[in-house]
Amino acid sequence: MFVQRCTSNHRKLIQLPLLICAALFQAADCQRSPTIARISPEQLKNVGGIAELECSVQYAQEYPILWVKADRLNGSEQLPISSGSSLIVRDSRFALRHDVSSSTYTLQIKDIQETDAGLYQCQVIIDLSNKLTSDVWLRVRKPPMILDNSTQGIMRNQGQNVDLECYASGFPIPRISWRRENNAILPTGGSIYRGNILKIPSISKEDRGTYYCVADNGIGRHVSRRISVDVEFPPVITVQRPRLGQAPGFDMDLECHIEAFPLPTIMWIKDGAPVTNNQHYLASKAATGTDFTDAKLRILSTEQRQYGHYQCKATNKLGHAQADIEFYETDDPVCPPACGNSAQSKGWFFW
């Protein structure tokens, strides 16, 4: 009997600490603070796709649990989407699942739109001034679009520094490249330049023309903008035949080719005096582009006094240029232009 009592008392002594420990663990468990155990990683989706954002919490049975979205323009403002296991927003694209066993709240967004992109936040509200938060970004792939603050066209004087700028929206962030029409060499060298700003130091007339800004991020087709670069520069004159001869009585054309922008006024000068249209001269010009002009002076039925030194002079607001042409007498007529008119009357024939 004594042995049995001792054994029974010994067992009670052993069980007592176990009961005390169990009670302490239960009390500690009740006092544990809520935590957010898991949040989904960043989501990257296409327009029209589906995203599922998961938030798992622990020890938060007594606390409100919310999904909210930060305002795109003002990050401090938030739009509540759900509270507990119920949706707040009235949008059929949104759904919420609550797994009680894992205490996981899954926010599903179907038919994703560009406006759905942004920062989503899982919140556990502790009290009015305290809450637990965990964030997940939803990124939506978007094809590139060139922005209005990009260069659309410029006009500069020769010698000025020029910056061509190009910016584009889209996700992933678009890559910007530059090229010229017909893949002409860029002022930076090479046929392609990468970067938002194409710098042209001391622009020259050779740099004028059409440039293309191209934005590409691998989503859909790339987009491009055509940029016209105009350069104002003083005239440059080219004369292919600085010495011309003709027999008396025959016509002859003096010609010069002018490159200038804006287009210049053109004057012919003989021996220091301006030449005007009359029975002896006929001046004409033809613009072959925004920067090019062909000028011609036809000497009609050449007389002795029309031989001599001529100048083709071109002037615009940035300056002037002139080129010399020497007109001399020959024994035989030159064809063209002395073909079929006064030559036949003198018994000359040209084949």
Protein backbone atom coordinates (compact mmCIF):
# COMPACT_ATOMS: atom_id res chain seq x y z
CA MET A 1 0.00 0.00 0.00
CA PHE A 2 2.82 2.39 0.80
CA VAL A 3 4.47 1.66 -2.55
CA GLN A 4 1.28 2.34 -4.48
CA ARG A 5 0.80 5.72 -2.73
CA CYS A 6 4.36 6.74 -3.47
CA THR A 7 3.95 5.82 -7.13
CA SER A 8 0.69 7.75 -7.41
CA ASN A 9 2.19 10.84 -5.81
CA HIS A 10 5.24 10.63 -8.04
CA ARG A 11 3.06 10.59 -11.15
CA LYS A 12 1.17 13.66 -9.95
CA LEU A 13 4.45 15.48 -9.39
CA ILE A 14 5.50 14.69 -12.98
CA GLN A 15 2.15 15.68 -14.54
CA LEU A 16 1.95 19.01 -12.71
CA PRO A 17 4.83 20.70 -14.61
CA LEU A 18 3.44 19.38 -17.89
CA LEU A 19 0.06 20.93 -17.19
CA ILE A 20 1.68 24.21 -16.20
CA CYS A 21 3.76 24.24 -19.43
CA ALA A 22 0.70 23.52 -21.57
CA ALA A 23 -1.18 26.38 -19.96
CA LEU A 24 1.75 28.72 -20.50
CA PHE A 25 2.00 27.75 -24.20
CA GLN A 26 -1.72 28.33 -24.67
CA ALA A 27 -1.44 31.76 -23.08
CA ALA A 28 1.59 32.64 -25.19
CA ASP A 29 -0.23 31.49 -28.33
CA CYS A 30 -3.15 33.74 -27.52
CA GLN A 31 -0.83 36.69 -27.05
CA ARG A 32 1.17 36.29 -30.30
CA SER A 33 0.97 39.32 -32.65
CA PRO A 34 -0.55 38.97 -36.12
CA THR A 35 1.89 38.69 -39.02
CA ILE A 36 1.77 38.60 -42.80
CA ALA A 37 3.49 35.30 -43.54
CA ARG A 38 3.54 35.49 -47.34
CA ILE A 39 2.79 37.91 -50.17
CA SER A 40 2.87 37.14 -53.90
CA PRO A 41 5.99 38.19 -55.83
CA GLU A 42 5.75 40.91 -58.49
CA GLN A 43 3.33 40.00 -61.28
CA LEU A 44 4.02 40.74 -64.98
CA LYS A 45 0.97 40.21 -67.19
CA ASN A 46 -0.33 40.92 -70.66
CA VAL A 47 -3.43 42.97 -71.32
CA GLY A 48 -6.38 40.57 -71.16
CA GLY A 49 -4.59 38.11 -68.87
CA ILE A 50 -5.33 36.94 -65.32
CA ALA A 51 -3.43 37.83 -62.14
CA GLU A 52 -3.77 36.22 -58.71
CA LEU A 53 -2.37 38.08 -55.72
CA GLU A 54 -2.02 36.00 -52.54
CA CYS A 55 -1.65 37.18 -48.96
CA SER A 56 -1.25 34.68 -46.11
CA VAL A 57 -1.62 35.88 -42.53
CA GLN A 58 -1.11 34.31 -39.10
CA TYR A 59 -2.67 35.03 -35.72
CA ALA A 60 -5.01 37.59 -37.28
CA GLN A 61 -8.40 35.98 -36.77
CA GLU A 62 -9.61 38.93 -34.71
CA TYR A 63 -8.36 41.66 -37.04
CA PRO A 64 -9.72 43.18 -40.27
CA ILE A 65 -7.75 42.10 -43.38
CA LEU A 66 -7.92 44.23 -46.52
CA TRP A 67 -6.65 44.34 -50.09
CA VAL A 68 -6.14 47.93 -51.30
CA LYS A 69 -4.63 49.55 -54.39
CA ALA A 70 -2.49 52.69 -54.26
CA ASP A 71 -3.67 55.57 -56.44
CA ARG A 72 -1.52 55.89 -59.61
CA LEU A 73 -1.22 59.67 -59.31
CA ASN A 74 -1.14 60.01 -55.53
CA GLY A 75 0.52 57.06 -53.82
CA SER A 76 -0.71 58.14 -50.39
CA GLU A 77 -4.34 57.65 -51.47
CA GLN A 78 -5.63 54.08 -51.47
CA LEU A 79 -8.64 52.34 -52.96
CA PRO A 80 -10.04 49.51 -50.78
CA ILE A 81 -10.82 46.41 -52.85
CA SER A 82 -11.83 43.84 -50.23
CA SER A 83 -12.38 43.44 -46.52
CA GLY A 84 -12.08 40.02 -44.96
CA SER A 85 -13.57 37.52 -47.36
CA SER A 86 -15.82 40.05 -49.13
CA LEU A 87 -15.20 42.29 -52.13
CA ILE A 88 -15.85 46.00 -51.84
CA VAL A 89 -15.44 46.99 -55.49
CA ARG A 90 -18.30 46.36 -57.92
CA ASP A 91 -16.34 44.97 -60.84
CA SER A 92 -17.02 41.54 -62.30
CA ARG A 93 -13.36 41.21 -63.25
CA PHE A 94 -12.39 41.02 -59.57
CA ALA A 95 -12.89 37.97 -57.33
CA LEU A 96 -11.71 37.00 -53.85
CA ARG A 97 -11.02 33.56 -52.36
CA HIS A 98 -10.39 32.87 -48.68
CA ASP A 99 -8.69 29.60 -47.68
CA VAL A 100 -9.52 29.22 -43.99
CA SER A 101 -7.00 26.44 -43.35
CA SER A 102 -4.03 28.55 -44.47
CA SER A 103 -5.63 31.92 -43.78
CA THR A 104 -4.79 32.98 -47.35
CA TYR A 105 -6.68 35.74 -49.14
CA THR A 106 -6.36 35.52 -52.95
CA LEU A 107 -7.35 38.51 -55.05
CA GLN A 108 -8.02 37.54 -58.66
CA ILE A 109 -8.14 40.06 -61.53
CA LYS A 110 -9.39 38.82 -64.91
CA ASP A 111 -9.22 40.51 -68.32
CA ILE A 112 -6.41 42.78 -67.10
CA GLN A 113 -6.41 46.34 -68.40
CA GLU A 114 -3.56 48.85 -68.51
CA THR A 115 -5.26 50.79 -65.70
CA ASP A 116 -4.98 47.76 -63.40
CA ALA A 117 -1.20 48.15 -63.22
CA GLY A 118 0.07 49.49 -59.92
CA LEU A 119 0.89 48.75 -56.32
CA TYR A 120 -1.44 46.43 -54.40
CA GLN A 121 -1.23 46.12 -50.63
CA CYS A 122 -2.36 43.51 -48.14
CA GLN A 123 -3.23 45.14 -44.82
CA VAL A 124 -3.93 43.84 -41.32
CA ILE A 125 -5.57 46.59 -39.27
CA ILE A 126 -4.33 46.46 -35.65
CA ASP A 127 -5.97 49.67 -34.48
CA LEU A 128 -6.74 53.16 -35.76
CA SER A 129 -3.08 54.16 -35.79
CA ASN A 130 -1.38 50.85 -36.49
CA LYS A 131 -1.51 48.35 -39.32
CA LEU A 132 0.65 45.67 -40.95
CA THR A 133 1.23 45.99 -44.69
CA SER A 134 2.91 44.04 -47.46
CA ASP A 135 3.13 45.16 -51.09
CA VAL A 136 3.01 43.48 -54.50
CA TRP A 137 3.38 45.21 -57.86
CA LEU A 138 1.20 44.29 -60.79
CA ARG A 139 2.97 45.25 -64.02
CA VAL A 140 1.05 45.21 -67.30
CA ARG A 141 2.92 44.85 -70.56
CA LYS A 142 2.12 47.76 -72.84
CA PRO A 143 3.33 48.46 -76.41
CA PRO A 144 5.42 51.59 -76.92
CA MET A 145 3.96 54.99 -77.69
CA ILE A 146 6.08 58.05 -78.50
CA LEU A 147 5.21 60.96 -76.22
CA ASP A 148 4.27 64.48 -77.28
CA ASN A 149 7.27 66.03 -75.54
CA SER A 150 9.50 64.47 -78.20
CA THR A 151 10.94 66.63 -80.99
CA GLN A 152 8.56 66.94 -83.94
CA GLY A 153 10.64 69.06 -86.31
CA ILE A 154 13.24 71.81 -86.07
CA MET A 155 14.86 74.59 -88.07
CA ARG A 156 18.28 75.92 -87.07
CA ASN A 157 21.01 78.12 -88.48
CA GLN A 158 24.16 76.43 -89.62
CA GLY A 159 26.66 76.19 -86.76
CA GLN A 160 24.13 75.94 -83.93
CA ASN A 161 24.06 73.03 -81.49
CA VAL A 162 20.98 70.83 -81.83
CA ASP A 163 19.37 68.24 -79.53
CA LEU A 164 16.81 65.87 -81.00
CA GLU A 165 14.78 64.33 -78.16
CA CYS A 166 12.56 61.27 -78.15
CA TYR A 167 10.63 59.76 -75.23
CA ALA A 168 8.18 56.87 -75.16
CA SER A 169 5.81 55.21 -72.71
CA GLY A 170 5.22 51.48 -72.44
CA PHE A 171 6.19 48.50 -70.34
CA PRO A 172 8.83 47.19 -70.36
CA ILE A 173 10.44 50.62 -70.82
CA PRO A 174 10.97 51.07 -74.57
CA ARG A 175 14.44 51.33 -76.08
CA ILE A 176 15.00 54.41 -78.25
CA SER A 177 17.12 54.40 -81.40
CA TRP A 178 17.75 56.93 -84.17
CA ARG A 179 18.38 56.62 -87.89
CA ARG A 180 18.27 58.81 -90.98
CA GLU A 181 16.31 58.40 -94.15
CA ASN A 182 17.86 55.81 -96.48
CA ASN A 183 20.17 54.84 -93.60
CA ALA A 184 22.40 57.82 -94.23
CA ILE A 185 25.29 58.33 -91.81
CA LEU A 186 24.25 60.11 -88.61
CA PRO A 187 26.15 63.16 -87.34
CA THR A 188 27.32 60.94 -84.46
CA GLY A 189 28.78 58.43 -86.93
CA GLY A 190 27.28 55.12 -88.02
CA SER A 191 23.74 54.50 -89.22
CA ILE A 192 22.13 53.88 -85.77
CA TYR A 193 22.34 55.75 -82.49
CA ARG A 194 20.75 54.53 -79.24
CA GLY A 195 19.50 56.89 -76.57
CA ASN A 196 16.78 59.43 -75.88
CA ILE A 197 18.76 62.46 -77.07
CA LEU A 198 20.66 62.71 -80.35
CA LYS A 199 23.13 65.59 -80.06
CA ILE A 200 24.32 67.37 -83.21
CA PRO A 201 27.09 69.85 -82.35
CA SER A 202 27.56 72.75 -84.78
CA ILE A 203 24.97 71.50 -87.26
CA SER A 204 25.87 71.79 -90.94
CA LYS A 205 23.88 71.68 -94.15
CA GLU A 206 24.99 68.06 -94.58
CA ASP A 207 23.06 67.21 -91.41
CA ARG A 208 19.70 68.40 -92.75
CA GLY A 209 17.07 65.91 -93.80
CA THR A 210 14.69 63.37 -92.30
CA TYR A 211 15.45 61.57 -89.06
CA TYR A 212 13.49 58.74 -87.45
CA CYS A 213 13.07 58.12 -83.72
CA VAL A 214 12.20 54.42 -83.16
CA ALA A 215 10.76 53.05 -79.89
CA ASP A 216 10.66 49.29 -79.25
CA ASN A 217 10.07 47.16 -76.14
CA GLY A 218 9.33 43.80 -77.73
CA ILE A 219 5.55 44.15 -77.24
CA GLY A 220 3.73 44.39 -80.55
CA ARG A 221 5.30 46.41 -83.36
CA HIS A 222 7.83 49.15 -82.82
CA VAL A 223 6.67 52.73 -83.40
CA SER A 224 8.56 55.57 -85.04
CA ARG A 225 8.32 59.32 -85.51
CA ARG A 226 9.50 61.20 -88.59
CA ILE A 227 11.44 64.35 -87.67
CA SER A 228 12.33 66.96 -90.28
CA VAL A 229 15.59 68.79 -89.62
CA ASP A 230 15.98 71.99 -91.65
CA VAL A 231 19.22 73.95 -91.63
CA GLU A 232 19.43 77.54 -92.83
CA PHE A 233 22.74 78.25 -94.54
CA PRO A 234 24.23 80.80 -96.95
CA PRO A 235 24.45 80.04 -100.69
CA VAL A 236 27.01 77.70 -102.18
CA ILE A 237 27.45 77.94 -105.96
CA THR A 238 28.74 75.26 -108.31
CA VAL A 239 29.64 75.96 -111.95
CA GLN A 240 30.34 72.92 -114.06
CA ARG A 241 31.68 74.92 -117.06
CA PRO A 242 33.53 78.05 -115.91
CA ARG A 243 34.75 78.77 -119.47
CA LEU A 244 32.40 78.71 -122.45
CA GLY A 245 32.88 79.65 -126.07
CA GLN A 246 30.53 80.36 -128.95
CA ALA A 247 30.68 81.70 -132.46
CA PRO A 248 29.09 85.11 -133.16
CA GLY A 249 25.41 85.03 -134.00
CA PHE A 250 24.66 81.88 -132.03
CA ASP A 251 22.93 81.38 -128.65
CA MET A 252 24.79 80.18 -125.57
CA ASP A 253 23.65 79.18 -122.06
CA LEU A 254 25.58 80.12 -118.95
CA GLU A 255 24.57 77.93 -116.00
CA CYS A 256 25.17 77.76 -112.27
CA HIS A 257 23.82 75.46 -109.56
CA ILE A 258 22.98 77.06 -106.19
CA GLU A 259 22.51 75.32 -102.85
CA ALA A 260 20.99 77.53 -100.14
CA PHE A 261 18.22 77.72 -97.56
CA PRO A 262 16.13 79.77 -97.58
CA LEU A 263 16.12 79.97 -101.37
CA PRO A 264 18.20 82.90 -102.59
CA THR A 265 17.68 85.76 -104.99
CA ILE A 266 19.87 85.34 -108.08
CA MET A 267 21.55 88.00 -110.19
CA TRP A 268 23.72 87.84 -113.29
CA ILE A 269 26.49 90.41 -113.67
CA LYS A 270 28.64 91.23 -116.72
CA ASP A 271 31.78 93.24 -116.31
CA GLY A 272 30.46 94.60 -113.02
CA ALA A 273 26.98 95.62 -114.32
CA PRO A 274 23.69 93.73 -113.68
CA VAL A 275 22.24 91.85 -116.65
CA THR A 276 18.48 92.21 -117.26
CA ASN A 277 16.13 90.43 -119.62
CA ASN A 278 15.97 92.05 -123.04
CA GLN A 279 16.50 91.20 -126.69
CA HIS A 280 20.06 90.09 -125.87
CA TYR A 281 19.58 88.11 -122.64
CA LEU A 282 17.04 85.76 -121.09
CA ALA A 283 17.54 84.76 -117.43
CA SER A 284 15.63 81.86 -115.88
CA LYS A 285 15.77 79.67 -112.80
CA ALA A 286 14.23 76.43 -111.58
CA ALA A 287 14.00 75.21 -108.00
CA THR A 288 14.86 71.51 -107.87
CA GLY A 289 14.08 71.14 -104.17
CA THR A 290 13.74 73.19 -101.02
CA ASP A 291 17.48 73.87 -101.06
CA PHE A 292 18.52 73.73 -104.72
CA THR A 293 18.15 76.14 -107.61
CA ASP A 294 19.42 75.88 -111.18
CA ALA A 295 20.03 79.32 -112.75
CA LYS A 296 20.54 79.93 -116.46
CA LEU A 297 21.43 82.96 -118.54
CA ARG A 298 20.81 82.54 -122.27
CA ILE A 299 22.83 84.86 -124.48
CA LEU A 300 20.77 85.43 -127.62
CA SER A 301 22.44 85.71 -131.06
CA THR A 302 25.80 86.50 -129.56
CA GLU A 303 27.34 89.83 -130.50
CA GLN A 304 30.93 90.89 -130.05
CA ARG A 305 30.16 93.06 -127.06
CA GLN A 306 28.58 90.12 -125.18
CA TYR A 307 31.83 88.27 -124.82
CA GLY A 308 33.56 88.78 -121.52
CA HIS A 309 33.43 88.07 -117.82
CA TYR A 310 30.11 87.03 -116.17
CA GLN A 311 29.20 86.37 -112.56
CA CYS A 312 26.36 84.31 -111.07
CA LYS A 313 25.52 85.83 -107.67
CA ALA A 314 23.13 84.35 -105.06
CA THR A 315 22.01 86.05 -101.81
CA ASN A 316 19.85 85.04 -98.85
CA LYS A 317 19.53 86.36 -95.28
CA LEU A 318 22.58 84.41 -94.13
CA GLY A 319 25.01 85.60 -96.77
CA HIS A 320 25.92 85.53 -100.43
CA ALA A 321 28.16 83.75 -102.90
CA GLN A 322 29.26 84.32 -106.47
CA ALA A 323 30.93 82.30 -109.20
CA ASP A 324 32.75 83.42 -112.35
CA ILE A 325 32.14 82.31 -115.92
CA GLU A 326 34.32 83.39 -118.83
CA PHE A 327 32.52 83.67 -122.20
CA TYR A 328 34.83 83.82 -125.22
CA GLU A 329 34.59 83.82 -129.01
CA THR A 330 35.08 80.70 -131.12
CA ASP A 331 35.28 80.21 -134.85
CA ASP A 332 32.87 77.30 -134.94
CA PRO A 333 29.44 77.30 -133.30
CA VAL A 334 28.89 75.08 -130.30
CA CYS A 335 25.86 72.81 -130.22
CA PRO A 336 23.83 72.80 -128.05
CA PRO A 337 22.32 75.30 -127.76
CA ALA A 338 23.24 76.56 -131.22
CA CYS A 339 21.18 73.92 -132.96
CA GLY A 340 18.46 74.41 -135.56
CA ASN A 341 17.97 78.18 -135.30
CA SER A 342 20.45 80.81 -136.34
CA ALA A 343 22.90 78.10 -137.42
CA GLN A 344 20.76 77.03 -140.39
CA SER A 345 20.42 80.60 -141.59
CA LYS A 346 24.22 80.72 -141.83
CA GLY A 347 24.36 77.41 -143.73
CA TRP A 348 25.60 75.35 -140.79
CA PHE A 349 24.07 71.98 -140.04
CA PHE A 350 24.57 69.85 -136.92
CA TRP A 351 23.98 66.14 -136.50
